[in-house]
Protein backbone atom coordinates (compact mmCIF):
# COMPACT_ATOMS: atom_id res chain seq x y z
CA UNK A 1 42.80 36.80 101.42
CA UNK A 2 39.30 37.07 100.14
CA UNK A 3 40.49 38.04 96.64
CA UNK A 4 42.74 35.03 96.33
CA UNK A 5 39.98 32.77 97.59
CA UNK A 6 37.56 34.08 94.99
CA UNK A 7 40.16 33.63 92.28
CA UNK A 8 40.67 30.03 93.33
CA UNK A 9 36.92 29.32 93.29
CA UNK A 10 36.64 30.86 89.80
CA UNK A 11 39.53 28.76 88.55
CA UNK A 12 37.86 25.60 89.89
CA UNK A 13 34.63 26.54 88.12
CA UNK A 14 36.44 27.18 84.80
CA UNK A 15 38.23 23.88 85.00
CA UNK A 16 34.97 22.08 85.76
CA UNK A 17 33.20 23.62 82.80
CA UNK A 18 36.16 22.74 80.59
CA UNK A 19 36.05 19.14 81.77
CA UNK A 20 32.31 18.90 81.10
CA UNK A 21 32.73 20.36 77.58
CA UNK A 22 35.52 17.98 76.73
CA UNK A 23 33.44 15.07 78.00
CA UNK A 24 30.52 16.10 75.75
CA UNK A 25 32.81 16.44 72.76
CA UNK A 26 34.11 12.96 73.40
CA UNK A 27 30.56 11.57 73.53
CA UNK A 28 29.27 13.50 70.42
CA UNK A 29 32.03 13.73 67.82
CA UNK A 30 31.53 16.45 65.20
CA UNK A 31 29.76 15.35 61.99
CA UNK A 32 32.07 14.60 59.06
CA UNK A 33 32.36 17.26 56.38
CA UNK A 34 29.86 16.83 53.51
CA UNK A 35 31.08 14.77 50.58
CA UNK A 36 31.12 16.80 47.41
CA UNK A 37 30.18 14.83 44.27
CA UNK A 38 32.11 15.76 41.16
CA UNK A 39 30.14 17.91 38.79
CA UNK A 40 30.06 16.51 35.23
CA UNK A 41 29.04 18.37 32.13
CA UNK A 42 25.51 17.52 30.92
CA UNK A 43 25.51 15.00 28.10
CA UNK A 44 23.67 15.83 24.88
CA UNK A 45 20.84 13.35 24.21
CA UNK A 46 21.04 11.54 20.88
CA UNK A 47 18.87 12.99 18.14
CA UNK A 48 15.45 11.48 17.84
CA UNK A 49 15.22 9.05 14.95
CA UNK A 50 12.14 9.01 12.80
CA UNK A 51 10.82 5.54 12.07
CA UNK A 52 10.52 4.75 8.39
CA UNK A 53 8.38 1.90 7.10
CA UNK A 54 10.32 -1.15 6.09
CA UNK A 55 10.37 -2.51 2.57
CA UNK A 56 8.20 -5.44 3.61
CA UNK A 57 5.55 -3.13 5.04
CA UNK A 58 5.49 -1.14 1.80
CA UNK A 59 4.72 -4.34 -0.15
CA UNK A 60 1.66 -5.21 1.93
CA UNK A 61 -1.41 -4.37 -0.20
CA UNK A 62 -4.16 -2.27 1.25
CA UNK A 63 -7.38 -4.34 1.49
CA UNK A 64 -10.38 -3.23 -0.50
CA UNK A 65 -13.05 -1.34 1.34
CA UNK A 66 -16.52 -2.81 1.84
CA UNK A 67 -17.97 -0.71 -0.97
CA UNK A 68 -15.12 -1.70 -3.31
CA UNK A 69 -15.65 -5.37 -2.51
CA UNK A 70 -19.37 -5.04 -3.21
CA UNK A 71 -18.76 -3.43 -6.61
CA UNK A 72 -16.17 -6.03 -7.51
CA UNK A 73 -18.49 -8.87 -6.54
CA UNK A 74 -21.17 -7.43 -8.82
CA UNK A 75 -18.67 -7.18 -11.69
CA UNK A 76 -17.55 -10.78 -11.07
CA UNK A 77 -21.17 -11.95 -11.20
CA UNK A 78 -21.61 -10.20 -14.54
CA UNK A 79 -18.53 -11.87 -16.01
CA UNK A 80 -19.65 -15.25 -14.69
CA UNK A 81 -22.70 -14.92 -16.93
CA UNK A 82 -20.77 -13.56 -19.90
CA UNK A 83 -17.84 -16.04 -20.10
CA UNK A 84 -20.03 -19.08 -20.94
CA UNK A 85 -21.49 -17.02 -23.79
CA UNK A 86 -17.98 -16.45 -25.14
CA UNK A 87 -17.26 -20.19 -24.95
CA UNK A 88 -20.43 -20.91 -26.92
CA UNK A 89 -19.31 -18.36 -29.50
CA UNK A 90 -16.01 -20.23 -29.82
CA UNK A 91 -17.91 -23.48 -30.36
CA UNK A 92 -20.00 -21.91 -33.10
CA UNK A 93 -16.87 -20.58 -34.81
CA UNK A 94 -15.35 -24.06 -34.82
CA UNK A 95 -18.49 -25.74 -36.08
CA UNK A 96 -18.88 -23.21 -38.89
CA UNK A 97 -15.31 -23.90 -39.91
CA UNK A 98 -15.98 -27.63 -40.02
CA UNK A 99 -19.34 -27.26 -41.77
CA UNK A 100 -17.75 -25.15 -44.49
CA UNK A 101 -15.63 -28.18 -45.41
CA UNK A 102 -18.09 -30.98 -44.74
CA UNK A 103 -21.08 -29.11 -46.21
CA UNK A 104 -23.27 -30.53 -43.47
CA UNK A 105 -24.35 -29.70 -39.96
CA UNK A 106 -21.95 -30.76 -37.22
CA UNK A 107 -22.80 -31.48 -33.60
CA UNK A 108 -19.29 -31.00 -32.32
CA UNK A 109 -19.73 -31.07 -28.57
CA UNK A 110 -21.04 -33.17 -25.73
CA UNK A 111 -24.19 -32.42 -23.80
CA UNK A 112 -22.43 -30.45 -21.05
CA UNK A 113 -22.78 -26.68 -20.87
CA UNK A 114 -20.03 -24.15 -20.16
CA UNK A 115 -19.92 -22.72 -16.66
CA UNK A 116 -17.83 -20.04 -14.97
CA UNK A 117 -17.01 -19.16 -11.35
CA UNK A 118 -15.18 -16.04 -10.27
CA UNK A 119 -13.30 -15.25 -7.07
CA UNK A 120 -11.72 -12.18 -5.53
CA UNK A 121 -8.31 -13.08 -4.11
CA UNK A 122 -7.00 -10.53 -1.62
CA UNK A 123 -3.55 -9.34 -2.62
CA UNK A 124 -3.73 -11.00 -6.07
CA UNK A 125 -6.76 -9.82 -8.02
CA UNK A 126 -9.58 -11.75 -9.67
CA UNK A 127 -9.56 -15.38 -10.77
CA UNK A 128 -12.12 -17.11 -13.02
CA UNK A 129 -12.48 -20.85 -13.53
CA UNK A 130 -14.34 -21.83 -16.69
CA UNK A 131 -15.58 -25.33 -17.51
CA UNK A 132 -15.97 -25.88 -21.25
CA UNK A 133 -17.64 -28.78 -23.07
CA UNK A 134 -15.26 -31.16 -24.78
CA UNK A 135 -15.15 -32.16 -28.43
CA UNK A 136 -16.83 -35.44 -29.31
CA UNK A 137 -14.13 -37.93 -30.14
CA UNK A 138 -16.27 -39.55 -32.83
CA UNK A 139 -16.83 -36.21 -34.58
CA UNK A 140 -13.15 -35.30 -34.49
CA UNK A 141 -12.17 -38.71 -35.88
CA UNK A 142 -14.77 -38.57 -38.65
CA UNK A 143 -13.72 -35.11 -39.69
CA UNK A 144 -10.08 -36.12 -39.75
CA UNK A 145 -10.94 -38.96 -42.11
CA UNK A 146 -12.82 -36.52 -44.30
CA UNK A 147 -9.80 -34.23 -44.48
CA UNK A 148 -7.60 -37.01 -45.76
CA UNK A 149 -9.43 -36.90 -49.06
CA UNK A 150 -9.48 -33.12 -49.34
CA UNK A 151 -7.32 -31.58 -52.10
CA UNK A 152 -5.54 -28.24 -52.16
CA UNK A 153 -7.61 -25.84 -54.21
CA UNK A 154 -4.65 -24.76 -56.37
CA UNK A 155 -4.07 -28.37 -57.48
CA UNK A 156 -7.62 -29.23 -58.51
CA UNK A 157 -8.93 -28.89 -62.09
CA UNK A 158 -11.11 -31.03 -64.23
CA UNK A 159 -8.27 -32.59 -66.19
CA UNK A 160 -6.03 -33.54 -63.29
CA UNK A 161 -8.51 -34.12 -60.48
CA UNK A 162 -8.11 -37.91 -60.43
CA UNK A 163 -4.31 -37.76 -60.70
CA UNK A 164 -4.11 -35.05 -57.99
CA UNK A 165 -6.26 -37.19 -55.72
CA UNK A 166 -3.65 -39.93 -55.92
CA UNK A 167 -0.68 -37.66 -55.22
CA UNK A 168 -2.27 -35.12 -52.85
CA UNK A 169 -0.92 -34.72 -49.33
CA UNK A 170 -3.74 -35.19 -46.81
CA UNK A 171 -4.78 -32.02 -45.02
CA UNK A 172 -5.64 -33.01 -41.46
CA UNK A 173 -8.01 -30.83 -39.47
CA UNK A 174 -7.52 -30.98 -35.72
CA UNK A 175 -10.90 -30.16 -34.21
CA UNK A 176 -9.47 -29.92 -30.69
CA UNK A 177 -6.73 -27.50 -31.75
CA UNK A 178 -9.18 -25.37 -33.70
CA UNK A 179 -11.59 -25.30 -30.76
CA UNK A 180 -8.78 -24.44 -28.34
CA UNK A 181 -7.69 -21.50 -30.48
CA UNK A 182 -11.28 -20.27 -30.77
CA UNK A 183 -11.81 -20.46 -27.00
CA UNK A 184 -8.53 -18.68 -26.40
CA UNK A 185 -9.50 -15.82 -28.72
CA UNK A 186 -12.90 -15.43 -27.09
CA UNK A 187 -11.50 -15.42 -23.55
CA UNK A 188 -8.87 -12.83 -24.42
CA UNK A 189 -11.55 -10.66 -26.05
CA UNK A 190 -13.65 -10.95 -22.89
CA UNK A 191 -10.66 -9.96 -20.77
CA UNK A 192 -9.90 -6.88 -22.87
CA UNK A 193 -13.45 -5.71 -23.55
CA UNK A 194 -15.40 -6.54 -20.38
CA UNK A 195 -12.99 -6.34 -17.44
CA UNK A 196 -13.24 -2.61 -16.72
CA UNK A 197 -16.02 -2.94 -14.09
CA UNK A 198 -13.69 -5.14 -12.03
CA UNK A 199 -11.67 -1.96 -11.32
CA UNK A 200 -8.39 -3.80 -10.92
CA UNK A 201 -5.50 -2.06 -9.20
CA UNK A 202 -2.24 -1.67 -11.17
CA UNK A 203 -0.50 -4.49 -9.26
CA UNK A 204 -3.46 -6.91 -9.45
CA UNK A 205 -3.97 -9.72 -11.97
CA UNK A 206 -6.97 -10.91 -13.94
CA UNK A 207 -6.69 -14.65 -14.60
CA UNK A 208 -9.04 -16.93 -16.54
CA UNK A 209 -8.39 -20.67 -16.38
CA UNK A 210 -10.40 -22.85 -18.78
CA UNK A 211 -10.60 -26.62 -18.65
CA UNK A 212 -12.62 -29.39 -20.20
CA UNK A 213 -15.51 -29.97 -17.82
CA UNK A 214 -16.63 -33.36 -19.17
CA UNK A 215 -16.11 -36.54 -17.25
CA UNK A 216 -13.81 -38.99 -19.05
CA UNK A 217 -15.69 -41.59 -21.08
CA UNK A 218 -14.53 -45.18 -20.49
CA UNK A 219 -12.45 -46.64 -23.33
CA UNK A 220 -12.51 -43.31 -25.21
CA UNK A 221 -9.38 -41.22 -25.60
CA UNK A 222 -9.73 -37.53 -26.37
CA UNK A 223 -7.64 -34.46 -25.77
CA UNK A 224 -8.55 -32.43 -22.72
CA UNK A 225 -8.34 -28.66 -23.10
CA UNK A 226 -6.68 -26.68 -20.33
CA UNK A 227 -5.42 -23.12 -20.68
CA UNK A 228 -4.62 -20.13 -18.49
CA UNK A 229 -4.96 -16.54 -19.70
CA UNK A 230 -3.95 -13.63 -17.50
CA UNK A 231 -3.14 -9.91 -17.69
CA UNK A 232 -1.90 -7.30 -15.23
CA UNK A 233 -4.20 -4.52 -14.09
CA UNK A 234 -1.77 -1.78 -15.11
CA UNK A 235 -1.64 -3.10 -18.70
CA UNK A 236 -5.42 -3.31 -18.91
CA UNK A 237 -5.69 0.27 -17.68
CA UNK A 238 -3.17 1.45 -20.29
CA UNK A 239 -5.12 -0.37 -23.01
CA UNK A 240 -8.42 1.23 -22.02
CA UNK A 241 -6.75 4.64 -21.82
CA UNK A 242 -5.37 4.28 -25.35
CA UNK A 243 -1.73 4.08 -24.27
CA UNK A 244 -1.54 0.55 -25.68
CA UNK A 245 -2.99 -0.64 -28.98
CA UNK A 246 -4.87 -3.91 -29.16
CA UNK A 247 -1.91 -5.56 -30.87
CA UNK A 248 0.46 -4.32 -28.14
CA UNK A 249 -1.92 -5.49 -25.42
CA UNK A 250 -2.22 -8.93 -26.97
CA UNK A 251 1.55 -9.30 -26.67
CA UNK A 252 1.32 -8.58 -22.94
CA UNK A 253 -1.39 -11.12 -22.27
CA UNK A 254 0.15 -14.29 -20.84
CA UNK A 255 -1.10 -17.53 -22.37
CA UNK A 256 -0.31 -20.96 -21.00
CA UNK A 257 -1.57 -24.32 -22.13
CA UNK A 258 -1.35 -27.72 -20.49
C-alpha cells in the first residue's frame, strides 16, 4: 500500500515537472538556426593604372626661373641700345648710295631718332618694337627727278651723249625702297650676330617689328615703312653652332612687310 502510494506521488511530480517544462518552452521558443551567407570567391582588384601626362600638359612651357628672367632682361636692355644704332647704319648706307649719284650731301631723314623697346613674352620668346625715322618726301621726290635724267653707263660716250639723253629710259631711284632694304639687312644682321645673350629656348621666337615712327605731316603723302623679322630659337642655335651657314639661316628668317 505504501509502495503504490509512493509511486503515485512520484508520477504526479513527474507530470507536474513535464507540464512546467512544456509551459516554458511555449513561452520561450528556441532561437532560429543561424543563416549561413553564401561564400563567394574573392574578386581580383583591377590593376593599378599609371597616370600619364596628357598631350596638352606636355605643350605647356616651363616658365623661366628668376635668374633666367634677370639675364634675359639684361640682354633685352643691351639690344634696345644696339638696334637704333643698326637703324642709323641703314640710313647712312642709303644716304651714301644717293650721294654717290647726286654728288652732294643728302639729309634724307626727318628729325626723329630711332628707338627700340623689348619685351619678354612668356611662352613665346622675345619681341622688339623699333621706331625708325621716315624719309623726307621732298628729298625722295627731288632724287627721283634727278634719276630721270641719269643715263646708263654703257650707253654714254662723247659722240652719242646728246642722242642717248633723248632716247634713254629714266632710271628711277626709290629712296623708301632702298631705305627699307637697308633697314631689313641691318635688323637681320642684329638678329643673327647679337641675339645669343637672350638665350632663347628651341621653341621660342625672336621677333623684331620696325615701323615708321614719324607723325603724318598734313597734306604730305609718303610711304610708311613697316616690317616684321623673326627667327626660331632652334634655328639661331644651329647657326651659332655651325650647323647652318649664314646663307641657310637667311632662308629660315621670316620677313614680312606691310
